[in-house]
């Protein structure tokens, strides 16, 4: 059976096909990360679908008052959900590894068959050299494209963006609370002045009942806001 495959060059075509498919999967993965890196300088108006979905997810969490406690885990989970040509990034990574194993398996079976049928040494070396070259290429694609570096850069940039955005939001809330406190203090001062005037025997004496004071407070509060 193995010899039949050898005669029809099935193992050879299997090695070549595995190399091509593995290369395509890595090219798609590299393109996915490249799009994200291109959107990092323009976070206010990203063009990539993944970045828009990422920012939308952050906005949803902000509306629900859900704080992101571990930014790295959050970003990695979103990266795993990323897709290009409707193919998940995790699937592409697994497929690349599978093609590497397929190329190695085809090479091993081809070389093994050359020993069984006592094929010429040159044929054996051709299969061995071709298979090793394809496997080495597939293994080197990951560092050659710098996927690890690109992923690390995305993680650092987005984690910094999340932390700065959280701090900025907290400062806004703090400022809002401070303004509300100042408004209450100003209103209390105005009301105290009115009470003193009403108690001073002037024409405003007896001006304020409890109901009238509450109404006046509402009017002053609306004016300060």
N, C-alpha and C. Protein backbone atom coordinates (compact mmCIF):
# COMPACT_ATOMS: atom_id res chain seq x y z
N UNK A 1 0.83 -1.21 0.00
CA UNK A 1 0.00 0.00 0.00
C UNK A 1 0.86 1.26 0.00
N UNK A 2 1.89 1.26 0.85
CA UNK A 2 2.79 2.39 0.90
C UNK A 2 3.52 2.56 -0.43
N UNK A 3 3.88 1.43 -1.02
CA UNK A 3 4.61 1.50 -2.28
C UNK A 3 3.72 2.07 -3.39
N UNK A 4 2.42 1.76 -3.32
CA UNK A 4 1.48 2.31 -4.30
C UNK A 4 1.44 3.84 -4.20
N UNK A 5 1.42 4.34 -2.98
CA UNK A 5 1.45 5.78 -2.77
C UNK A 5 2.76 6.38 -3.29
N UNK A 6 3.85 5.66 -3.06
CA UNK A 6 5.15 6.14 -3.52
C UNK A 6 5.19 6.26 -5.03
N UNK A 7 4.69 5.23 -5.72
CA UNK A 7 4.72 5.25 -7.18
C UNK A 7 3.91 6.40 -7.76
N UNK A 8 2.84 6.78 -7.06
CA UNK A 8 2.00 7.87 -7.55
C UNK A 8 2.39 9.22 -6.94
N UNK A 9 3.47 9.24 -6.23
CA UNK A 9 4.00 10.47 -5.64
C UNK A 9 3.03 11.13 -4.67
N UNK A 10 2.18 10.33 -4.06
CA UNK A 10 1.21 10.90 -3.12
C UNK A 10 1.91 11.53 -1.92
N UNK A 11 2.95 10.90 -1.44
CA UNK A 11 3.65 11.46 -0.29
C UNK A 11 4.31 12.79 -0.65
N UNK A 12 4.86 12.85 -1.83
CA UNK A 12 5.50 14.08 -2.28
C UNK A 12 4.49 15.22 -2.36
N UNK A 13 3.35 14.94 -2.98
CA UNK A 13 2.31 15.97 -3.08
C UNK A 13 1.74 16.33 -1.71
N UNK A 14 1.69 15.33 -0.83
CA UNK A 14 1.23 15.60 0.53
C UNK A 14 2.15 16.56 1.27
N UNK A 15 3.46 16.39 1.09
CA UNK A 15 4.43 17.28 1.73
C UNK A 15 4.29 18.70 1.18
N UNK A 16 4.19 18.80 -0.16
CA UNK A 16 4.07 20.13 -0.79
C UNK A 16 2.77 20.81 -0.37
N UNK A 17 1.66 20.05 -0.38
CA UNK A 17 0.36 20.63 -0.01
C UNK A 17 0.36 21.10 1.44
N UNK A 18 0.97 20.30 2.32
CA UNK A 18 1.04 20.69 3.73
C UNK A 18 1.84 21.97 3.89
N UNK A 19 2.93 22.09 3.13
CA UNK A 19 3.74 23.30 3.20
C UNK A 19 2.98 24.52 2.73
N UNK A 20 2.24 24.39 1.62
CA UNK A 20 1.49 25.53 1.08
C UNK A 20 0.37 25.95 2.02
N UNK A 21 -0.40 24.98 2.52
CA UNK A 21 -1.51 25.30 3.42
C UNK A 21 -1.01 25.89 4.74
N UNK A 22 0.10 25.37 5.23
CA UNK A 22 0.68 25.93 6.45
C UNK A 22 1.14 27.36 6.25
N UNK A 23 1.72 27.63 5.08
CA UNK A 23 2.16 28.99 4.77
C UNK A 23 0.97 29.95 4.66
N UNK A 24 -0.10 29.50 4.02
CA UNK A 24 -1.30 30.34 3.87
C UNK A 24 -1.89 30.66 5.24
N UNK A 25 -1.97 29.66 6.12
CA UNK A 25 -2.53 29.91 7.46
C UNK A 25 -1.70 30.92 8.24
N UNK A 26 -0.37 30.86 8.08
CA UNK A 26 0.47 31.82 8.78
C UNK A 26 0.37 33.21 8.17
N UNK A 27 0.20 33.29 6.85
CA UNK A 27 0.01 34.59 6.20
C UNK A 27 -1.27 35.26 6.68
N UNK A 28 -2.33 34.48 6.83
CA UNK A 28 -3.59 35.03 7.31
C UNK A 28 -3.47 35.51 8.76
N UNK A 29 -2.77 34.72 9.57
CA UNK A 29 -2.55 35.12 10.97
C UNK A 29 -1.76 36.41 11.04
N UNK A 30 -0.73 36.51 10.22
CA UNK A 30 0.09 37.72 10.20
C UNK A 30 -0.73 38.93 9.74
N UNK A 31 -1.60 38.74 8.77
CA UNK A 31 -2.45 39.82 8.30
C UNK A 31 -3.41 40.30 9.38
N UNK A 32 -3.93 39.36 10.16
CA UNK A 32 -4.84 39.70 11.26
C UNK A 32 -4.15 40.61 12.27
N UNK A 33 -2.94 40.23 12.70
CA UNK A 33 -2.20 41.04 13.67
C UNK A 33 -1.77 42.37 13.05
N UNK A 34 -1.45 42.37 11.77
CA UNK A 34 -1.04 43.61 11.12
C UNK A 34 -2.18 44.63 11.12
N UNK A 35 -3.40 44.19 10.90
CA UNK A 35 -4.55 45.10 10.92
C UNK A 35 -4.73 45.73 12.30
N UNK A 36 -4.55 44.92 13.33
CA UNK A 36 -4.70 45.46 14.69
C UNK A 36 -3.61 46.49 14.98
N UNK A 37 -2.36 46.18 14.59
CA UNK A 37 -1.27 47.12 14.80
C UNK A 37 -1.50 48.43 14.05
N UNK A 38 -2.11 48.35 12.88
CA UNK A 38 -2.40 49.56 12.11
C UNK A 38 -3.44 50.44 12.80
N UNK A 39 -4.33 49.82 13.60
CA UNK A 39 -5.39 50.58 14.28
C UNK A 39 -4.94 51.18 15.61
N UNK A 40 -3.80 50.75 16.14
CA UNK A 40 -3.35 51.25 17.45
C UNK A 40 -3.16 52.76 17.47
N UNK A 41 -2.58 53.38 16.42
CA UNK A 41 -2.42 54.85 16.48
C UNK A 41 -3.73 55.61 16.26
N UNK A 42 -4.78 54.93 15.83
CA UNK A 42 -6.05 55.62 15.53
C UNK A 42 -7.20 54.96 16.29
N UNK A 43 -7.06 54.88 17.60
CA UNK A 43 -8.07 54.22 18.42
C UNK A 43 -9.42 54.93 18.38
N UNK A 44 -9.42 56.22 18.08
CA UNK A 44 -10.69 56.96 18.02
C UNK A 44 -11.50 56.63 16.77
N UNK A 45 -10.81 56.19 15.71
CA UNK A 45 -11.51 55.86 14.46
C UNK A 45 -10.86 54.64 13.80
N UNK A 46 -10.94 53.48 14.42
CA UNK A 46 -10.30 52.28 13.86
C UNK A 46 -11.01 51.81 12.60
N UNK A 47 -10.24 51.19 11.70
CA UNK A 47 -10.80 50.68 10.45
C UNK A 47 -11.02 49.16 10.51
N UNK A 48 -10.27 48.49 11.35
CA UNK A 48 -10.38 47.03 11.45
C UNK A 48 -11.62 46.58 12.19
N UNK A 49 -12.19 45.48 11.74
CA UNK A 49 -13.40 44.96 12.36
C UNK A 49 -13.14 44.50 13.78
N UNK A 50 -11.99 43.87 14.02
CA UNK A 50 -11.70 43.36 15.37
C UNK A 50 -11.57 44.52 16.36
N UNK A 51 -10.87 45.57 15.97
CA UNK A 51 -10.67 46.69 16.90
C UNK A 51 -11.99 47.38 17.21
N UNK A 52 -12.86 47.52 16.22
CA UNK A 52 -14.16 48.12 16.49
C UNK A 52 -14.97 47.27 17.46
N UNK A 53 -14.91 45.95 17.28
CA UNK A 53 -15.62 45.05 18.20
C UNK A 53 -15.02 45.12 19.61
N UNK A 54 -13.71 45.25 19.69
CA UNK A 54 -13.02 45.33 20.98
C UNK A 54 -13.45 46.58 21.74
N UNK A 55 -13.44 47.72 21.07
CA UNK A 55 -13.84 48.98 21.71
C UNK A 55 -15.32 48.96 22.08
N UNK A 56 -16.14 48.32 21.23
CA UNK A 56 -17.57 48.21 21.54
C UNK A 56 -17.78 47.37 22.80
N UNK A 57 -16.99 46.31 22.94
CA UNK A 57 -17.10 45.48 24.14
C UNK A 57 -16.71 46.27 25.39
N UNK A 58 -15.69 47.11 25.28
CA UNK A 58 -15.30 47.94 26.42
C UNK A 58 -16.39 48.94 26.78
N UNK A 59 -17.03 49.51 25.77
CA UNK A 59 -18.12 50.46 26.03
C UNK A 59 -19.29 49.78 26.73
N UNK A 60 -19.59 48.55 26.32
CA UNK A 60 -20.68 47.81 26.96
C UNK A 60 -20.37 47.55 28.43
N UNK A 61 -19.13 47.20 28.71
CA UNK A 61 -18.73 46.97 30.10
C UNK A 61 -18.81 48.27 30.91
N UNK A 62 -18.43 49.36 30.28
CA UNK A 62 -18.48 50.65 30.99
C UNK A 62 -19.92 51.03 31.33
N UNK A 63 -20.84 50.76 30.40
CA UNK A 63 -22.25 51.07 30.65
C UNK A 63 -22.80 50.24 31.81
N UNK A 64 -22.31 49.00 31.93
CA UNK A 64 -22.77 48.11 33.00
C UNK A 64 -21.95 48.25 34.28
N UNK A 65 -21.01 49.22 34.27
CA UNK A 65 -20.14 49.45 35.43
C UNK A 65 -19.33 48.20 35.79
N UNK A 66 -18.91 47.45 34.76
CA UNK A 66 -18.10 46.26 34.97
C UNK A 66 -16.63 46.62 34.74
N UNK A 67 -15.85 46.58 35.79
CA UNK A 67 -14.44 46.94 35.71
C UNK A 67 -13.63 45.76 35.17
N UNK A 68 -12.66 46.04 34.29
CA UNK A 68 -11.77 45.01 33.75
C UNK A 68 -10.62 44.84 34.74
N UNK A 69 -10.64 43.76 35.50
CA UNK A 69 -9.65 43.57 36.56
C UNK A 69 -8.33 43.00 36.03
N UNK A 70 -8.38 42.23 34.96
CA UNK A 70 -7.16 41.65 34.37
C UNK A 70 -7.17 41.96 32.88
N UNK A 71 -6.51 43.04 32.51
CA UNK A 71 -6.56 43.51 31.12
C UNK A 71 -5.92 42.51 30.16
N UNK A 72 -4.84 41.84 30.58
CA UNK A 72 -4.15 40.91 29.67
C UNK A 72 -5.04 39.72 29.32
N UNK A 73 -5.70 39.16 30.31
CA UNK A 73 -6.61 38.04 30.05
C UNK A 73 -7.76 38.48 29.17
N UNK A 74 -8.28 39.69 29.43
CA UNK A 74 -9.39 40.22 28.63
C UNK A 74 -8.97 40.37 27.16
N UNK A 75 -7.78 40.92 26.93
CA UNK A 75 -7.31 41.13 25.56
C UNK A 75 -7.05 39.80 24.86
N UNK A 76 -6.42 38.86 25.57
CA UNK A 76 -6.13 37.55 24.96
C UNK A 76 -7.42 36.82 24.58
N UNK A 77 -8.42 36.91 25.42
CA UNK A 77 -9.68 36.25 25.11
C UNK A 77 -10.33 36.86 23.87
N UNK A 78 -10.21 38.18 23.72
CA UNK A 78 -10.75 38.83 22.54
C UNK A 78 -9.95 38.48 21.29
N UNK A 79 -8.64 38.33 21.44
CA UNK A 79 -7.82 37.93 20.29
C UNK A 79 -8.19 36.52 19.82
N UNK A 80 -8.46 35.64 20.77
CA UNK A 80 -8.86 34.27 20.42
C UNK A 80 -10.18 34.25 19.66
N UNK A 81 -11.01 35.25 19.92
CA UNK A 81 -12.30 35.33 19.22
C UNK A 81 -12.18 35.97 17.85
N UNK A 82 -11.00 36.52 17.55
CA UNK A 82 -10.80 37.20 16.27
C UNK A 82 -10.92 36.25 15.09
N UNK A 83 -11.36 36.80 13.96
CA UNK A 83 -11.56 36.01 12.74
C UNK A 83 -11.06 36.78 11.53
N UNK A 84 -10.57 36.04 10.56
CA UNK A 84 -10.19 36.61 9.28
C UNK A 84 -10.65 35.65 8.19
N UNK A 85 -11.37 36.18 7.22
CA UNK A 85 -12.03 35.36 6.20
C UNK A 85 -12.95 34.32 6.84
N UNK A 86 -13.58 34.74 7.96
CA UNK A 86 -14.52 33.90 8.71
C UNK A 86 -13.84 32.68 9.34
N UNK A 87 -12.53 32.73 9.49
CA UNK A 87 -11.77 31.64 10.13
C UNK A 87 -11.20 32.18 11.43
N UNK A 88 -11.41 31.45 12.52
CA UNK A 88 -10.90 31.88 13.81
C UNK A 88 -9.38 31.83 13.86
N UNK A 89 -8.78 32.79 14.58
CA UNK A 89 -7.33 32.84 14.70
C UNK A 89 -6.80 31.60 15.41
N UNK A 90 -7.52 31.13 16.42
CA UNK A 90 -7.12 29.91 17.10
C UNK A 90 -7.13 28.72 16.17
N UNK A 91 -8.10 28.67 15.27
CA UNK A 91 -8.18 27.59 14.29
C UNK A 91 -7.00 27.63 13.33
N UNK A 92 -6.61 28.83 12.90
CA UNK A 92 -5.48 28.97 11.99
C UNK A 92 -4.19 28.51 12.64
N UNK A 93 -4.01 28.84 13.91
CA UNK A 93 -2.81 28.41 14.64
C UNK A 93 -2.75 26.89 14.76
N UNK A 94 -3.89 26.28 15.08
CA UNK A 94 -3.94 24.81 15.19
C UNK A 94 -3.71 24.16 13.83
N UNK A 95 -4.27 24.77 12.79
CA UNK A 95 -4.12 24.23 11.45
C UNK A 95 -2.66 24.27 11.00
N UNK A 96 -1.97 25.34 11.34
CA UNK A 96 -0.54 25.45 11.00
C UNK A 96 0.26 24.33 11.65
N UNK A 97 -0.02 24.06 12.91
CA UNK A 97 0.67 22.96 13.61
C UNK A 97 0.32 21.62 12.99
N UNK A 98 -0.94 21.46 12.60
CA UNK A 98 -1.38 20.20 11.98
C UNK A 98 -0.67 19.97 10.65
N UNK A 99 -0.51 21.02 9.85
CA UNK A 99 0.18 20.89 8.57
C UNK A 99 1.66 20.54 8.76
N UNK A 100 2.26 21.05 9.81
CA UNK A 100 3.65 20.70 10.11
C UNK A 100 3.76 19.21 10.44
N UNK A 101 2.82 18.71 11.24
CA UNK A 101 2.81 17.29 11.57
C UNK A 101 2.53 16.43 10.34
N UNK A 102 1.65 16.90 9.46
CA UNK A 102 1.33 16.16 8.24
C UNK A 102 2.56 16.06 7.34
N UNK A 103 3.29 17.14 7.19
CA UNK A 103 4.50 17.12 6.37
C UNK A 103 5.53 16.15 6.95
N UNK A 104 5.67 16.17 8.28
CA UNK A 104 6.62 15.26 8.92
C UNK A 104 6.18 13.81 8.76
N UNK A 105 4.86 13.55 8.87
CA UNK A 105 4.34 12.19 8.73
C UNK A 105 4.55 11.67 7.30
N UNK A 106 4.27 12.50 6.32
CA UNK A 106 4.47 12.10 4.92
C UNK A 106 5.94 11.81 4.64
N UNK A 107 6.81 12.62 5.21
CA UNK A 107 8.24 12.42 5.02
C UNK A 107 8.68 11.09 5.64
N UNK A 108 8.24 10.85 6.88
CA UNK A 108 8.62 9.60 7.54
C UNK A 108 8.12 8.37 6.81
N UNK A 109 6.87 8.40 6.35
CA UNK A 109 6.32 7.26 5.63
C UNK A 109 7.03 7.04 4.29
N UNK A 110 7.36 8.13 3.60
CA UNK A 110 8.06 8.00 2.32
C UNK A 110 9.43 7.38 2.50
N UNK A 111 10.16 7.87 3.50
CA UNK A 111 11.50 7.32 3.76
C UNK A 111 11.41 5.87 4.20
N UNK A 112 10.44 5.55 5.03
CA UNK A 112 10.25 4.16 5.48
C UNK A 112 9.97 3.23 4.31
N UNK A 113 9.17 3.68 3.36
CA UNK A 113 8.84 2.84 2.21
C UNK A 113 10.06 2.61 1.32
N UNK A 114 10.97 3.58 1.26
CA UNK A 114 12.18 3.38 0.46
C UNK A 114 13.05 2.26 1.01
N UNK A 115 12.97 2.05 2.33
CA UNK A 115 13.71 0.93 2.92
C UNK A 115 13.02 -0.40 2.65
N UNK A 116 11.69 -0.39 2.60
CA UNK A 116 10.96 -1.63 2.37
C UNK A 116 11.17 -2.18 0.97
N UNK A 117 11.18 -1.31 0.00
CA UNK A 117 11.28 -1.77 -1.40
C UNK A 117 12.68 -1.57 -1.96
N UNK A 118 13.61 -1.20 -1.09
CA UNK A 118 15.00 -1.01 -1.49
C UNK A 118 15.13 -0.05 -2.68
N UNK A 119 14.56 1.13 -2.48
CA UNK A 119 14.60 2.16 -3.51
C UNK A 119 16.00 2.79 -3.54
N UNK A 120 16.33 3.38 -4.67
CA UNK A 120 17.63 4.02 -4.83
C UNK A 120 17.84 5.07 -3.75
N UNK A 121 19.07 5.21 -3.27
CA UNK A 121 19.40 6.15 -2.20
C UNK A 121 19.07 7.58 -2.59
N UNK A 122 19.21 7.94 -3.83
CA UNK A 122 18.92 9.30 -4.27
C UNK A 122 17.45 9.66 -4.06
N UNK A 123 16.55 8.72 -4.35
CA UNK A 123 15.12 8.97 -4.14
C UNK A 123 14.83 9.18 -2.66
N UNK A 124 15.47 8.34 -1.85
CA UNK A 124 15.27 8.44 -0.40
C UNK A 124 15.72 9.80 0.10
N UNK A 125 16.88 10.26 -0.38
CA UNK A 125 17.40 11.55 0.06
C UNK A 125 16.54 12.71 -0.44
N UNK A 126 15.96 12.54 -1.62
CA UNK A 126 15.09 13.58 -2.14
C UNK A 126 13.86 13.77 -1.26
N UNK A 127 13.24 12.66 -0.87
CA UNK A 127 12.08 12.77 0.02
C UNK A 127 12.49 13.33 1.39
N UNK A 128 13.62 12.86 1.89
CA UNK A 128 14.07 13.31 3.20
C UNK A 128 14.40 14.80 3.18
N UNK A 129 15.11 15.25 2.16
CA UNK A 129 15.48 16.66 2.08
C UNK A 129 14.25 17.55 1.90
N UNK A 130 13.34 17.11 1.01
CA UNK A 130 12.14 17.90 0.78
C UNK A 130 11.27 18.00 2.02
N UNK A 131 11.07 16.87 2.70
CA UNK A 131 10.24 16.87 3.90
C UNK A 131 10.84 17.70 5.02
N UNK A 132 12.14 17.56 5.25
CA UNK A 132 12.81 18.32 6.30
C UNK A 132 12.76 19.82 6.00
N UNK A 133 12.95 20.16 4.71
CA UNK A 133 12.92 21.58 4.33
C UNK A 133 11.54 22.19 4.59
N UNK A 134 10.49 21.46 4.21
CA UNK A 134 9.13 21.98 4.42
C UNK A 134 8.82 22.11 5.91
N UNK A 135 9.16 21.09 6.69
CA UNK A 135 8.91 21.14 8.14
C UNK A 135 9.68 22.29 8.79
N UNK A 136 10.95 22.46 8.37
CA UNK A 136 11.75 23.56 8.94
C UNK A 136 11.15 24.91 8.58
N UNK A 137 10.68 25.04 7.34
CA UNK A 137 10.07 26.30 6.91
C UNK A 137 8.83 26.62 7.73
N UNK A 138 7.96 25.61 7.93
CA UNK A 138 6.73 25.83 8.69
C UNK A 138 7.04 26.20 10.14
N UNK A 139 8.07 25.57 10.70
CA UNK A 139 8.43 25.88 12.09
C UNK A 139 9.04 27.26 12.22
N UNK A 140 9.72 27.72 11.17
CA UNK A 140 10.38 29.02 11.22
C UNK A 140 9.46 30.18 10.85
N UNK A 141 8.28 29.87 10.29
CA UNK A 141 7.37 30.94 9.87
C UNK A 141 6.94 31.81 11.05
N UNK A 142 6.70 31.18 12.19
CA UNK A 142 6.21 31.92 13.37
C UNK A 142 7.20 33.00 13.79
N UNK A 143 8.50 32.65 13.99
CA UNK A 143 9.45 33.72 14.34
C UNK A 143 9.78 34.64 13.17
N UNK A 144 9.75 34.11 11.93
CA UNK A 144 10.07 34.95 10.78
C UNK A 144 9.06 36.08 10.61
N UNK A 145 7.79 35.79 10.83
CA UNK A 145 6.75 36.82 10.74
C UNK A 145 6.68 37.66 12.01
N UNK A 146 7.38 37.25 13.05
CA UNK A 146 7.37 38.01 14.30
C UNK A 146 6.02 38.02 14.98
N UNK A 147 5.30 36.89 14.92
CA UNK A 147 3.96 36.84 15.49
C UNK A 147 3.99 37.09 17.00
N UNK A 148 4.97 36.49 17.69
CA UNK A 148 5.07 36.66 19.14
C UNK A 148 5.32 38.13 19.50
N UNK A 149 6.19 38.79 18.74
CA UNK A 149 6.48 40.21 18.99
C UNK A 149 5.24 41.07 18.75
N UNK A 150 4.53 40.79 17.67
CA UNK A 150 3.34 41.56 17.35
C UNK A 150 2.26 41.37 18.41
N UNK A 151 2.09 40.14 18.86
CA UNK A 151 1.10 39.87 19.90
C UNK A 151 1.46 40.59 21.19
N UNK A 152 2.74 40.58 21.54
CA UNK A 152 3.19 41.25 22.76
C UNK A 152 2.97 42.76 22.67
N UNK A 153 3.24 43.31 21.51
CA UNK A 153 3.04 44.75 21.32
C UNK A 153 1.57 45.12 21.43
N UNK A 154 0.70 44.28 20.87
CA UNK A 154 -0.74 44.53 20.96
C UNK A 154 -1.20 44.47 22.41
N UNK A 155 -0.73 43.47 23.14
CA UNK A 155 -1.11 43.31 24.54
C UNK A 155 -0.68 44.53 25.36
N UNK A 156 0.57 44.97 25.18
CA UNK A 156 1.08 46.11 25.95
C UNK A 156 0.30 47.39 25.62
N UNK A 157 0.07 47.62 24.34
CA UNK A 157 -0.60 48.86 23.91
C UNK A 157 -2.05 48.91 24.39
N UNK A 158 -2.76 47.79 24.24
CA UNK A 158 -4.17 47.78 24.63
C UNK A 158 -4.32 47.78 26.15
N UNK A 159 -3.40 47.11 26.86
CA UNK A 159 -3.45 47.14 28.32
C UNK A 159 -3.23 48.56 28.83
N UNK A 160 -2.29 49.28 28.22
CA UNK A 160 -2.05 50.67 28.59
C UNK A 160 -3.27 51.53 28.28
N UNK A 161 -3.92 51.26 27.15
CA UNK A 161 -5.12 52.02 26.78
C UNK A 161 -6.25 51.78 27.78
N UNK A 162 -6.43 50.52 28.19
CA UNK A 162 -7.49 50.19 29.15
C UNK A 162 -7.25 50.87 30.48
N UNK A 163 -6.00 50.82 30.96
CA UNK A 163 -5.68 51.40 32.27
C UNK A 163 -5.85 52.93 32.24
N UNK A 164 -5.37 53.57 31.18
CA UNK A 164 -5.51 55.03 31.09
C UNK A 164 -6.97 55.44 30.96
N UNK A 165 -7.74 54.65 30.23
CA UNK A 165 -9.15 54.97 30.07
C UNK A 165 -9.88 54.82 31.40
N UNK A 166 -9.52 53.80 32.18
CA UNK A 166 -10.15 53.59 33.49
C UNK A 166 -9.83 54.74 34.44
N UNK A 167 -8.55 55.17 34.44
CA UNK A 167 -8.15 56.28 35.30
C UNK A 167 -8.87 57.56 34.91
N UNK A 168 -8.97 57.81 33.60
CA UNK A 168 -9.64 59.02 33.12
C UNK A 168 -11.11 59.03 33.51
N UNK A 169 -11.76 57.88 33.39
CA UNK A 169 -13.17 57.78 33.77
C UNK A 169 -13.34 58.03 35.26
N UNK A 170 -12.41 57.49 36.07
CA UNK A 170 -12.48 57.71 37.51
C UNK A 170 -12.30 59.17 37.88
N UNK A 171 -11.41 59.86 37.15
CA UNK A 171 -11.20 61.28 37.42
C UNK A 171 -12.45 62.08 37.07
N UNK A 172 -13.13 61.69 35.98
CA UNK A 172 -14.36 62.38 35.61
C UNK A 172 -15.42 62.24 36.70
N UNK A 173 -15.54 61.00 37.22
CA UNK A 173 -16.53 60.77 38.27
C UNK A 173 -16.18 61.57 39.52
N UNK A 174 -14.88 61.61 39.84
CA UNK A 174 -14.46 62.33 41.03
C UNK A 174 -14.76 63.82 40.87
N UNK A 175 -14.50 64.35 39.68
CA UNK A 175 -14.79 65.76 39.42
C UNK A 175 -16.27 66.04 39.53
N UNK A 176 -17.09 65.11 39.02
CA UNK A 176 -18.54 65.27 39.08
C UNK A 176 -19.02 65.31 40.52
N UNK A 177 -18.48 64.39 41.34
CA UNK A 177 -18.88 64.36 42.74
C UNK A 177 -18.44 65.65 43.44
N UNK A 178 -17.25 66.14 43.12
CA UNK A 178 -16.75 67.35 43.74
C UNK A 178 -17.63 68.54 43.39
N UNK A 179 -18.05 68.60 42.12
CA UNK A 179 -18.92 69.69 41.70
C UNK A 179 -20.24 69.65 42.44
N UNK A 180 -20.79 68.43 42.59
CA UNK A 180 -22.05 68.29 43.31
C UNK A 180 -21.90 68.75 44.76
N UNK A 181 -20.73 68.42 45.36
CA UNK A 181 -20.49 68.84 46.74
C UNK A 181 -20.40 70.34 46.86
N UNK A 182 -19.71 70.98 45.88
CA UNK A 182 -19.60 72.44 45.90
C UNK A 182 -20.97 73.09 45.74
N UNK A 183 -21.82 72.51 44.89
CA UNK A 183 -23.16 73.05 44.69
C UNK A 183 -23.96 73.01 45.98
N UNK A 184 -23.85 71.85 46.68
CA UNK A 184 -24.57 71.74 47.96
C UNK A 184 -24.06 72.76 48.97
N UNK A 185 -22.74 72.97 48.99
CA UNK A 185 -22.18 73.94 49.94
C UNK A 185 -22.66 75.35 49.62
N UNK A 186 -22.66 75.71 48.34
CA UNK A 186 -23.12 77.04 47.94
C UNK A 186 -24.60 77.23 48.29
N UNK A 187 -25.40 76.17 48.05
CA UNK A 187 -26.83 76.27 48.34
C UNK A 187 -27.05 76.45 49.84
N UNK A 188 -26.26 75.74 50.66
CA UNK A 188 -26.40 75.88 52.12
C UNK A 188 -26.05 77.29 52.57
N UNK A 189 -25.02 77.88 51.92
CA UNK A 189 -24.64 79.23 52.29
C UNK A 189 -25.76 80.23 51.94
N UNK A 190 -26.36 80.04 50.74
CA UNK A 190 -27.44 80.94 50.34
C UNK A 190 -28.62 80.81 51.30
N UNK A 191 -28.98 79.58 51.64
CA UNK A 191 -30.11 79.35 52.53
C UNK A 191 -29.83 79.92 53.92
N UNK A 192 -28.58 79.81 54.37
CA UNK A 192 -28.24 80.35 55.69
C UNK A 192 -28.37 81.87 55.69
N UNK A 193 -27.96 82.48 54.57
CA UNK A 193 -28.10 83.94 54.46
C UNK A 193 -29.55 84.36 54.48
N UNK A 194 -30.42 83.58 53.81
CA UNK A 194 -31.85 83.90 53.80
C UNK A 194 -32.45 83.75 55.19
N UNK A 195 -32.03 82.69 55.91
CA UNK A 195 -32.55 82.50 57.27
C UNK A 195 -32.15 83.66 58.18
N UNK A 196 -30.90 84.08 58.04
CA UNK A 196 -30.44 85.19 58.88
C UNK A 196 -31.21 86.46 58.57
N UNK A 197 -31.49 86.67 57.28
CA UNK A 197 -32.27 87.86 56.90
C UNK A 197 -33.70 87.78 57.44
N UNK A 198 -34.29 86.59 57.36
CA UNK A 198 -35.66 86.41 57.83
C UNK A 198 -35.75 86.57 59.34
N UNK A 199 -34.68 86.28 60.04
CA UNK A 199 -34.69 86.37 61.50
C UNK A 199 -34.26 87.73 62.01
N UNK A 200 -33.91 88.63 61.10
CA UNK A 200 -33.35 89.91 61.53
C UNK A 200 -34.40 91.00 61.71
N UNK A 201 -35.68 90.67 61.62
CA UNK A 201 -36.73 91.65 61.82
C UNK A 201 -36.96 92.54 60.62
N UNK A 202 -36.48 92.14 59.46
CA UNK A 202 -36.69 92.93 58.25
C UNK A 202 -38.03 92.56 57.64
N UNK A 203 -38.29 93.11 56.46
CA UNK A 203 -39.55 92.81 55.79
C UNK A 203 -39.63 91.37 55.33
N UNK A 204 -38.46 90.65 55.41
CA UNK A 204 -38.44 89.24 55.02
C UNK A 204 -38.69 88.32 56.21
N UNK A 205 -38.94 88.95 57.40
CA UNK A 205 -39.17 88.12 58.59
C UNK A 205 -40.35 87.19 58.37
N UNK A 206 -40.21 85.97 58.83
CA UNK A 206 -41.29 84.99 58.69
C UNK A 206 -41.52 84.56 57.27
N UNK A 207 -40.50 84.78 56.42
CA UNK A 207 -40.68 84.46 55.01
C UNK A 207 -40.78 82.96 54.76
N UNK A 208 -39.95 82.20 55.44
CA UNK A 208 -39.79 80.80 55.08
C UNK A 208 -40.48 79.85 56.05
N UNK A 209 -41.41 79.09 55.53
CA UNK A 209 -41.89 77.91 56.24
C UNK A 209 -41.06 76.73 55.72
N UNK A 210 -41.27 75.54 56.28
CA UNK A 210 -40.50 74.38 55.83
C UNK A 210 -40.79 74.06 54.37
N UNK A 211 -42.07 74.18 53.96
CA UNK A 211 -42.42 73.90 52.57
C UNK A 211 -41.78 74.91 51.63
N UNK A 212 -41.84 76.20 52.05
CA UNK A 212 -41.27 77.24 51.20
C UNK A 212 -39.75 77.10 51.09
N UNK A 213 -39.12 76.69 52.19
CA UNK A 213 -37.66 76.50 52.16
C UNK A 213 -37.29 75.38 51.19
N UNK A 214 -38.08 74.33 51.17
CA UNK A 214 -37.80 73.21 50.26
C UNK A 214 -37.95 73.64 48.81
N UNK A 215 -39.00 74.44 48.55
CA UNK A 215 -39.20 74.96 47.19
C UNK A 215 -38.04 75.85 46.78
N UNK A 216 -37.60 76.69 47.70
CA UNK A 216 -36.50 77.61 47.41
C UNK A 216 -35.19 76.84 47.16
N UNK A 217 -35.01 75.78 47.92
CA UNK A 217 -33.83 74.93 47.70
C UNK A 217 -33.82 74.35 46.28
N UNK A 218 -35.00 73.89 45.83
CA UNK A 218 -35.10 73.30 44.48
C UNK A 218 -34.76 74.35 43.43
N UNK A 219 -35.27 75.60 43.65
CA UNK A 219 -35.00 76.67 42.68
C UNK A 219 -33.50 76.98 42.65
N UNK A 220 -32.88 77.07 43.79
CA UNK A 220 -31.44 77.37 43.85
C UNK A 220 -30.63 76.23 43.24
N UNK A 221 -31.05 75.00 43.52
CA UNK A 221 -30.33 73.84 42.97
C UNK A 221 -30.39 73.86 41.45
N UNK A 222 -31.54 74.14 40.88
CA UNK A 222 -31.67 74.21 39.42
C UNK A 222 -30.78 75.31 38.85
N UNK A 223 -30.68 76.44 39.56
CA UNK A 223 -29.87 77.55 39.08
C UNK A 223 -28.39 77.18 39.10
N UNK A 224 -27.94 76.50 40.15
CA UNK A 224 -26.52 76.13 40.25
C UNK A 224 -26.14 75.08 39.23
N UNK A 225 -27.05 74.16 38.95
CA UNK A 225 -26.77 73.11 37.96
C UNK A 225 -26.70 73.71 36.56
